[in-house]
Structure formats: C-alpha cells, structure tokens
Amino acid sequence: MRLFRSEEHVRRVYDRLGAVCPAEQLWRLAQSWYGDRLDPEWEPRGRTGLQASLDGVGLTGPFWRLG
C-alpha cells in the first residue's frame, strides 16, 4: 500500500503501474479478503473466491485479474 502526497503523485504512479484505489476501497477489500480468517470453520477460498472479493469492491479490469 502506498499513500500519496498529491493528485500529481497519484497520476505518476497510475501512469507507471496502471491502477490505484482509494484507501476506503482498500479497507473494504481487506474486510472481504480477511474478515473471516479467525473463524474456526475458515477454509481458503481459492482463486475464484478471491477474485470475487476484488470484483465485489469494484476492483475490476486487467490489473485486478488474478492469474
């Protein structure tokens, strides 16, 4: 995770990497990705379940596709 100093800094990183997301969106992803991790019944979700977490918070497009 990177925090940015300015909108110009965000634009430079986006131009280099091709994707950025706001901290609030990242927080929602963390909740979806790790929220049930301490549940005694927890099992890994695999690529499909993890992709659903990304899609569910609006992180879509080629950059956010899991290989």
C-alpha atoms as a PDB file:
ATOM      1  CA  MET A   1       0.000   0.000   0.000  1.00  0.00           C
ATOM      2  CA  ARG A   2       1.236   3.445  -0.845  1.00  0.00           C
ATOM      3  CA  LEU A   3      -0.063   6.724   0.447  1.00  0.00           C
ATOM      4  CA  PHE A   4       0.200   9.675  -1.888  1.00  0.00           C
ATOM      5  CA  ARG A   5       1.275  13.245  -1.287  1.00  0.00           C
ATOM      6  CA  SER A   6      -0.817  14.808  -4.023  1.00  0.00           C
ATOM      7  CA  GLU A   7      -3.043  14.108  -7.001  1.00  0.00           C
ATOM      8  CA  GLU A   8       0.014  14.577  -9.229  1.00  0.00           C
ATOM      9  CA  HIS A   9       1.801  11.827  -7.297  1.00  0.00           C
ATOM     10  CA  VAL A  10      -1.228   9.554  -7.848  1.00  0.00           C
ATOM     11  CA  ARG A  11      -1.173  10.301 -11.595  1.00  0.00           C
ATOM     12  CA  ARG A  12       2.533   9.454 -11.867  1.00  0.00           C
ATOM     13  CA  VAL A  13       2.055   6.116 -10.089  1.00  0.00           C
ATOM     14  CA  TYR A  14      -1.035   5.317 -12.153  1.00  0.00           C
ATOM     15  CA  ASP A  15       0.876   6.047 -15.357  1.00  0.00           C
ATOM     16  CA  ARG A  16       3.607   3.645 -14.240  1.00  0.00           C
ATOM     17  CA  LEU A  17       1.517   0.840 -12.713  1.00  0.00           C
ATOM     18  CA  GLY A  18      -1.875   1.220 -14.371  1.00  0.00           C
ATOM     19  CA  ALA A  19      -4.033   1.096 -11.243  1.00  0.00           C
ATOM     20  CA  VAL A  20      -4.713   2.827  -7.949  1.00  0.00           C
ATOM     21  CA  CYS A  21      -7.539   2.563  -5.439  1.00  0.00           C
ATOM     22  CA  PRO A  22      -8.702   4.811  -2.602  1.00  0.00           C
ATOM     23  CA  ALA A  23      -7.933   3.773   0.981  1.00  0.00           C
ATOM     24  CA  GLU A  24     -11.660   3.257   1.684  1.00  0.00           C
ATOM     25  CA  GLN A  25     -11.890   0.756  -1.173  1.00  0.00           C
ATOM     26  CA  LEU A  26      -8.757  -0.990   0.060  1.00  0.00           C
ATOM     27  CA  TRP A  27     -10.345  -1.233   3.531  1.00  0.00           C
ATOM     28  CA  ARG A  28     -13.453  -2.875   2.055  1.00  0.00           C
ATOM     29  CA  LEU A  29     -11.217  -5.330   0.192  1.00  0.00           C
ATOM     30  CA  ALA A  30      -9.339  -6.184   3.402  1.00  0.00           C
ATOM     31  CA  GLN A  31     -12.632  -6.858   5.174  1.00  0.00           C
ATOM     32  CA  SER A  32     -13.791  -9.140   2.383  1.00  0.00           C
ATOM     33  CA  TRP A  33     -10.407 -10.858   1.940  1.00  0.00           C
ATOM     34  CA  TYR A  34      -9.515 -11.388   5.622  1.00  0.00           C
ATOM     35  CA  GLY A  35     -12.769 -10.773   7.537  1.00  0.00           C
ATOM     36  CA  ASP A  36     -13.488 -14.441   8.284  1.00  0.00           C
ATOM     37  CA  ARG A  37      -9.887 -15.540   8.767  1.00  0.00           C
ATOM     38  CA  LEU A  38     -10.272 -16.215  12.511  1.00  0.00           C
ATOM     39  CA  ASP A  39     -13.461 -18.241  12.077  1.00  0.00           C
ATOM     40  CA  PRO A  40     -12.848 -21.818  13.278  1.00  0.00           C
ATOM     41  CA  GLU A  41     -14.596 -23.055  10.108  1.00  0.00           C
ATOM     42  CA  TRP A  42     -12.371 -20.950   7.812  1.00  0.00           C
ATOM     43  CA  GLU A  43     -11.073 -22.555   4.647  1.00  0.00           C
ATOM     44  CA  PRO A  44      -9.066 -20.967   1.843  1.00  0.00           C
ATOM     45  CA  ARG A  45     -11.336 -19.648  -0.897  1.00  0.00           C
ATOM     46  CA  GLY A  46      -9.115 -20.228  -3.885  1.00  0.00           C
ATOM     47  CA  ARG A  47      -8.715 -18.021  -6.904  1.00  0.00           C
ATOM     48  CA  THR A  48     -12.430 -17.797  -7.709  1.00  0.00           C
ATOM     49  CA  GLY A  49     -13.362 -16.673  -4.207  1.00  0.00           C
ATOM     50  CA  LEU A  50     -10.519 -14.183  -4.037  1.00  0.00           C
ATOM     51  CA  GLN A  51     -11.438 -12.772  -7.451  1.00  0.00           C
ATOM     52  CA  ALA A  52     -14.990 -12.377  -6.168  1.00  0.00           C
ATOM     53  CA  SER A  53     -13.602 -10.243  -3.309  1.00  0.00           C
ATOM     54  CA  LEU A  54     -11.803  -7.965  -5.778  1.00  0.00           C
ATOM     55  CA  ASP A  55     -14.837  -7.721  -8.052  1.00  0.00           C
ATOM     56  CA  GLY A  56     -17.160  -7.171  -5.088  1.00  0.00           C
ATOM     57  CA  VAL A  57     -15.424  -3.955  -4.079  1.00  0.00           C
ATOM     58  CA  GLY A  58     -15.234  -2.691  -7.647  1.00  0.00           C
ATOM     59  CA  LEU A  59     -11.613  -3.583  -8.408  1.00  0.00           C
ATOM     60  CA  THR A  60     -12.095  -4.817 -11.953  1.00  0.00           C
ATOM     61  CA  GLY A  61     -10.150  -4.744 -15.175  1.00  0.00           C
ATOM     62  CA  PRO A  62      -6.948  -6.400 -16.342  1.00  0.00           C
ATOM     63  CA  PHE A  63      -4.750  -5.126 -13.490  1.00  0.00           C
ATOM     64  CA  TRP A  64      -7.038  -6.706 -10.871  1.00  0.00           C
ATOM     65  CA  ARG A  65      -7.445 -10.111 -12.593  1.00  0.00           C
ATOM     66  CA  LEU A  66      -5.808 -12.932 -10.695  1.00  0.00           C
ATOM     67  CA  GLY A  67      -3.721 -15.116 -12.998  1.00  0.00           C
END
